[in-house]
Structures are given as structure tokens and as C-alpha cells.
Amino acid sequence: MGMNLPRPTLPLLLSTLLAAACSSTDHKVADFGANTEIYPGLGYHTKQPGERTVFVGPVVDARRDDVLPAGLGGFPIVYDNESRWERPVPAMLDDVLHSDLQASGLFPSFAATAKVADVIVMPSLVTFATGSVELDSGARAMSDLALRVQVYGPIADGKRPLLFDQVFGDREMSDASMRTPSRVLLTGRVLRTTMQKMMRGLDGANVSRSGVLMADDGLPATAAPASAPAPVPVPNAPAPPAPPVTGGAR
């Protein structure tokens, strides 16, 4: 004879289903600039805070679709459509950069417009791609990110000296599986590694501190940097604006 178990009430059943749905779809709000389920923030904090005010320019989309590999190890790569993301990738990355830089303590304050004595950070997106490597049996999820960061110092002798120019990035791939893991969550891990490399690079280069050695190349106070390659816009996108020198809002 079976046991007579009490039936769950309708409110209890609904609340249980809602909780389960929320826990399984949190990361599906595909915005790594706002969703902490994907990217909770780096939590990096410098041991030696700087004293220079910084202006952080918008992330310029400098990706080139024609350089993406068609395959890996003899297997084709199927790239994702970026419509899966809630916002354009540069906009989400822009939020991450500002949030992590502000939390790091590298710079004491952030300017809405670049002044003569300010440092300018110019980020550009070199690579951002997610997809799957299609194997004979199953597939491997993939996420690839590369970010170029240029830093120009305060104006001296009519130029902004180039203090820093480096590309940071990471690529992760899942194990082969018939059902690949979330590439949205995989991107969060790739982003964390990339941001960690960037913060350590900026901190170690002393760009936020006075007395840093300056490179030979410079940004004229009234012109765009000759040393920086022109960003290549993605297809059907407008050309990015010229980088700010003595003014410009975020």
C-alpha cells in the first residue's frame, strides 16, 4: 500500500518553479558588463595608488572578420552571431573597463574630458569571437578575446607622449562534448583573465604615477596619434571617431 503524501499547494508549486527558472536563466541575460553571473568584476586593487587623473576613451571596435580562422586542427569553426548579446560588445566592454579601473585604485579620479595634465587611456577591441569547433563526434565551445590598450601621458612640448601600448587577451576551449557548455559563461572566464593581465600590465608600467619614463612616439596636442593603426570597422558599421586629445566626453 503506497503512502499518501500531501499535495503541494498551488502557491508553493509556483514559487518553486519560479526559483528554479531564475537559477537556470540568470546567465542568459547575456550582458557581461551588467550581469555578475557572467562577470562579477575583477576585484584587483593596486598596492601603490597613482596620482594622475585619467580620461578613458570609448572602446573602438578594431576587429577584422577576414582574419578569423575558418578551422582548428582540421575541424571547422562555427562562429556565433553576436545578436545573442544584449548590447554591442564594445559597449559592454566599456562598462567593464571603467568599473575595474575605478575599483583598482590605479587612478585617483576619472575625467569626463581630457585636460592637459591628464592621462588618456585608449582601448580598442582587436578580437572577440565565440563559437564551436565541430568535431567528428561532438564539439568544443570556444571564446576568444584580445584588447589593445594605449596610454598617453600629459601634454609636454606640444605632444602627449606614448607611455604604454600592449595587447592583452585569452582564449578558452571546452572539452569535447555532445552538449557544449555555455559560451556566454565561457566568455566571462576569458574576460577575467584578459582584465587581470591588463591591470597587472598597467600597474607595472607606472602609467598612473608621476616620473614614469616616456616613449619616443607621441601624440601631438592637436592631432591623432601617427603611431596607432587606423581602427578597422566591422562590416556595416560606421567608422569610429578620432581618439580624444584635449577634450571629449565618455
Protein backbone atom coordinates (compact mmCIF):
# COMPACT_ATOMS: atom_id res chain seq x y z
CA MET A 1 0.00 0.00 0.00
CA GLY A 2 1.51 3.33 -1.02
CA MET A 3 1.97 6.33 1.19
CA ASN A 4 -0.42 9.23 0.83
CA LEU A 5 1.81 12.29 0.52
CA PRO A 6 0.31 15.77 0.82
CA ARG A 7 -0.12 17.57 -2.46
CA PRO A 8 1.83 20.83 -2.79
CA THR A 9 -0.34 23.90 -2.78
CA LEU A 10 -0.51 25.98 -5.96
CA PRO A 11 1.39 28.99 -4.49
CA LEU A 12 4.18 26.70 -3.26
CA LEU A 13 4.40 24.97 -6.64
CA LEU A 14 4.55 28.27 -8.50
CA SER A 15 7.25 29.70 -6.22
CA THR A 16 9.34 26.53 -6.61
CA LEU A 17 9.09 26.66 -10.40
CA LEU A 18 9.96 30.38 -10.42
CA ALA A 19 13.04 29.86 -8.26
CA ALA A 20 14.24 27.05 -10.49
CA ALA A 21 13.69 29.14 -13.59
CA CYS A 22 15.59 32.11 -12.15
CA SER A 23 18.56 29.99 -11.08
CA SER A 24 18.83 28.43 -14.53
CA THR A 25 18.45 31.62 -16.59
CA ASP A 26 20.48 34.22 -14.67
CA HIS A 27 23.41 33.93 -17.08
CA LYS A 28 21.09 34.04 -20.07
CA VAL A 29 20.80 37.80 -19.63
CA ALA A 30 23.80 37.98 -21.94
CA ASP A 31 25.46 41.20 -20.81
CA PHE A 32 28.89 40.73 -19.26
CA GLY A 33 29.01 44.45 -18.48
CA ALA A 34 25.97 44.24 -16.20
CA ASN A 35 25.32 40.61 -15.28
CA THR A 36 27.51 39.48 -12.37
CA GLU A 37 26.59 35.86 -13.11
CA ILE A 38 28.81 36.19 -16.18
CA TYR A 39 31.45 38.62 -14.93
CA PRO A 40 31.38 39.63 -11.24
CA GLY A 41 34.23 42.13 -11.55
CA LEU A 42 37.94 41.60 -11.18
CA GLY A 43 38.48 42.83 -7.65
CA TYR A 44 42.02 43.99 -8.46
CA HIS A 45 43.44 46.70 -6.18
CA THR A 46 46.87 48.23 -6.53
CA LYS A 47 49.28 48.36 -3.61
CA GLN A 48 50.60 51.72 -4.82
CA PRO A 49 47.81 54.11 -5.89
CA GLY A 50 48.72 56.67 -8.53
CA GLU A 51 48.15 60.41 -8.52
CA ARG A 52 47.29 61.12 -12.16
CA THR A 53 43.76 61.85 -13.31
CA VAL A 54 42.71 59.71 -16.27
CA PHE A 55 40.37 60.06 -19.21
CA VAL A 56 39.24 56.68 -20.57
CA GLY A 57 38.18 56.82 -24.19
CA PRO A 58 35.39 54.63 -25.58
CA VAL A 59 36.30 51.15 -26.77
CA VAL A 60 36.95 51.32 -30.52
CA ASP A 61 35.90 48.26 -32.50
CA ALA A 62 39.05 47.42 -34.49
CA ARG A 63 38.15 43.82 -35.31
CA ARG A 64 38.71 42.31 -38.73
CA ASP A 65 36.41 39.45 -39.66
CA ASP A 66 38.70 38.38 -42.51
CA VAL A 67 41.45 37.27 -40.11
CA LEU A 68 39.32 34.82 -38.14
CA PRO A 69 40.46 31.22 -38.74
CA ALA A 70 37.98 29.01 -40.57
CA GLY A 71 39.05 25.92 -38.66
CA LEU A 72 41.23 24.44 -35.95
CA GLY A 73 43.15 21.19 -36.19
CA GLY A 74 41.38 20.25 -39.38
CA PHE A 75 37.90 20.82 -37.91
CA PRO A 76 35.64 23.73 -38.92
CA ILE A 77 34.75 26.56 -36.54
CA VAL A 78 31.16 27.76 -36.49
CA TYR A 79 31.09 31.32 -35.13
CA ASP A 80 28.19 32.72 -33.14
CA ASN A 81 26.05 35.62 -34.22
CA GLU A 82 26.54 38.49 -31.78
CA SER A 83 22.81 39.05 -31.62
CA ARG A 84 22.90 36.68 -28.64
CA TRP A 85 24.33 39.56 -26.59
CA GLU A 86 22.05 42.15 -25.02
CA ARG A 87 24.24 45.06 -26.14
CA PRO A 88 27.09 45.70 -28.58
CA VAL A 89 30.30 44.08 -27.36
CA PRO A 90 32.31 47.36 -27.24
CA ALA A 91 29.61 48.95 -25.05
CA MET A 92 29.69 46.07 -22.56
CA LEU A 93 33.47 46.07 -22.54
CA ASP A 94 33.46 49.82 -21.97
CA ASP A 95 31.46 49.32 -18.76
CA VAL A 96 33.83 46.60 -17.58
CA LEU A 97 36.90 48.77 -18.20
CA HIS A 98 35.52 51.74 -16.29
CA SER A 99 34.29 49.61 -13.39
CA ASP A 100 37.51 47.64 -12.96
CA LEU A 101 39.77 50.67 -13.40
CA GLN A 102 37.81 52.66 -10.84
CA ALA A 103 37.90 49.78 -8.35
CA SER A 104 41.64 49.22 -8.85
CA GLY A 105 42.80 52.48 -7.28
CA LEU A 106 45.35 52.98 -10.04
CA PHE A 107 43.95 56.43 -10.81
CA PRO A 108 42.55 58.75 -8.11
CA SER A 109 39.91 60.32 -10.36
CA PHE A 110 38.32 60.00 -13.78
CA ALA A 111 37.78 62.98 -16.08
CA ALA A 112 34.79 63.50 -18.37
CA THR A 113 37.07 65.42 -20.75
CA ALA A 114 40.82 65.12 -21.21
CA LYS A 115 42.79 68.06 -19.84
CA VAL A 116 46.43 68.99 -20.39
CA ALA A 117 47.72 67.22 -17.27
CA ASP A 118 45.54 64.11 -17.63
CA VAL A 119 46.48 60.64 -18.80
CA ILE A 120 44.46 59.22 -21.71
CA VAL A 121 43.63 55.51 -21.96
CA MET A 122 42.64 54.45 -25.48
CA PRO A 123 41.25 50.89 -25.67
CA SER A 124 40.47 49.07 -28.90
CA LEU A 125 38.87 45.68 -29.42
CA VAL A 126 41.14 43.52 -31.56
CA THR A 127 39.38 40.17 -31.24
CA PHE A 128 36.08 38.98 -29.86
CA ALA A 129 34.63 35.72 -31.09
CA THR A 130 32.63 32.83 -29.67
CA GLY A 131 31.65 29.65 -31.40
CA SER A 132 32.19 25.92 -31.57
CA VAL A 133 34.76 23.65 -33.13
CA GLU A 134 32.72 20.95 -34.86
CA LEU A 135 34.33 17.54 -34.34
CA ASP A 136 33.52 14.17 -35.88
CA SER A 137 31.70 13.37 -32.65
CA GLY A 138 30.54 16.32 -30.59
CA ALA A 139 32.05 19.78 -30.44
CA ARG A 140 34.20 22.13 -28.32
CA ALA A 141 32.94 25.54 -27.18
CA MET A 142 35.34 28.43 -27.80
CA SER A 143 35.70 32.04 -26.67
CA ASP A 144 38.46 34.37 -27.85
CA LEU A 145 39.20 37.96 -26.73
CA ALA A 146 42.01 40.44 -27.39
CA LEU A 147 42.11 44.05 -26.22
CA ARG A 148 44.70 46.66 -27.18
CA VAL A 149 45.39 49.36 -24.60
CA GLN A 150 47.31 52.54 -25.40
CA VAL A 151 48.10 55.12 -22.72
CA TYR A 152 49.19 58.67 -23.50
CA GLY A 153 50.65 60.97 -20.86
CA PRO A 154 50.11 64.65 -20.03
CA ILE A 155 50.89 67.14 -22.78
CA ALA A 156 54.56 68.17 -22.84
CA ASP A 157 56.20 70.25 -25.58
CA GLY A 158 53.03 70.10 -27.64
CA LYS A 159 52.69 66.33 -27.56
CA ARG A 160 51.14 63.60 -25.50
CA PRO A 161 53.92 61.02 -25.09
CA LEU A 162 53.01 57.38 -25.61
CA LEU A 163 53.53 55.66 -22.27
CA PHE A 164 52.10 52.24 -22.96
CA ASP A 165 50.92 50.12 -25.90
CA GLN A 166 50.10 46.46 -25.43
CA VAL A 167 47.58 43.80 -26.42
CA PHE A 168 46.02 41.57 -23.77
CA GLY A 169 43.88 38.55 -24.43
CA ASP A 170 42.90 35.00 -23.73
CA ARG A 171 41.24 32.04 -25.43
CA GLU A 172 39.46 29.16 -23.76
CA MET A 173 38.03 25.97 -25.19
CA SER A 174 35.89 23.37 -23.50
CA ASP A 175 36.44 19.64 -23.65
CA ALA A 176 34.78 17.75 -26.47
CA SER A 177 31.15 17.03 -25.71
CA MET A 178 27.86 16.24 -27.39
CA ARG A 179 26.41 19.20 -25.49
CA THR A 180 28.85 22.08 -25.17
CA PRO A 181 28.79 24.40 -22.13
CA SER A 182 27.51 27.97 -22.23
CA ARG A 183 29.75 30.15 -24.38
CA VAL A 184 28.36 33.17 -22.55
CA LEU A 185 29.80 31.90 -19.25
CA LEU A 186 32.99 30.83 -21.01
CA THR A 187 33.38 34.42 -22.22
CA GLY A 188 33.17 35.61 -18.62
CA ARG A 189 36.20 33.50 -17.73
CA VAL A 190 38.12 34.72 -20.77
CA LEU A 191 37.26 38.31 -19.87
CA ARG A 192 38.50 37.86 -16.31
CA THR A 193 41.88 36.53 -17.47
CA THR A 194 42.22 39.35 -20.00
CA MET A 195 41.37 42.07 -17.47
CA GLN A 196 43.74 40.59 -14.93
CA LYS A 197 46.59 40.73 -17.45
CA MET A 198 45.68 44.31 -18.36
CA MET A 199 45.56 45.55 -14.76
CA ARG A 200 48.89 43.97 -13.90
CA GLY A 201 50.39 45.46 -17.06
CA LEU A 202 49.15 48.98 -16.34
CA ASP A 203 50.14 48.76 -12.69
CA GLY A 204 53.63 47.52 -13.50
CA ALA A 205 54.15 50.20 -16.15
CA ASN A 206 53.52 53.00 -13.62
CA VAL A 207 51.36 54.95 -16.08
CA SER A 208 49.28 56.37 -13.24
CA ARG A 209 52.30 57.69 -11.36
CA SER A 210 54.47 60.74 -11.98
CA GLY A 211 58.03 60.27 -13.15
CA VAL A 212 57.31 57.36 -15.48
CA LEU A 213 59.67 57.02 -18.42
CA MET A 214 58.08 58.22 -21.67
CA ALA A 215 58.38 56.61 -25.09
CA ASP A 216 59.76 58.36 -28.15
CA ASP A 217 56.45 58.32 -30.03
CA GLY A 218 53.99 60.98 -29.05
CA LEU A 219 50.51 62.23 -29.70
CA PRO A 220 50.52 65.87 -30.87
CA ALA A 221 48.25 68.04 -28.79
CA THR A 222 46.11 68.83 -31.83
CA ALA A 223 46.35 65.64 -33.92
CA ALA A 224 45.59 61.93 -33.83
CA PRO A 225 48.47 59.52 -33.00
CA ALA A 226 50.51 58.63 -36.05
CA SER A 227 51.88 55.53 -34.32
CA ALA A 228 48.46 53.96 -33.79
CA PRO A 229 46.98 51.96 -36.69
CA ALA A 230 43.65 53.14 -38.01
CA PRO A 231 40.87 51.01 -36.49
CA VAL A 232 39.18 48.71 -38.98
CA PRO A 233 35.39 48.88 -38.57
CA VAL A 234 33.27 45.75 -38.66
CA PRO A 235 31.11 45.34 -41.78
CA ASN A 236 28.07 47.65 -41.97
CA ALA A 237 29.33 49.71 -39.02
CA PRO A 238 30.24 53.40 -39.16
CA ALA A 239 33.89 54.33 -38.92
CA PRO A 240 34.94 55.02 -35.29
CA PRO A 241 35.56 58.61 -34.24
CA ALA A 242 39.05 60.04 -33.92
CA PRO A 243 40.58 59.49 -30.44
CA PRO A 244 40.23 62.39 -27.98
CA VAL A 245 43.23 64.58 -27.30
CA THR A 246 42.35 67.72 -25.35
CA GLY A 247 38.67 67.14 -24.86
CA GLY A 248 35.72 64.88 -25.42
CA ALA A 249 33.22 63.18 -23.17
CA ARG A 250 32.95 59.48 -22.47
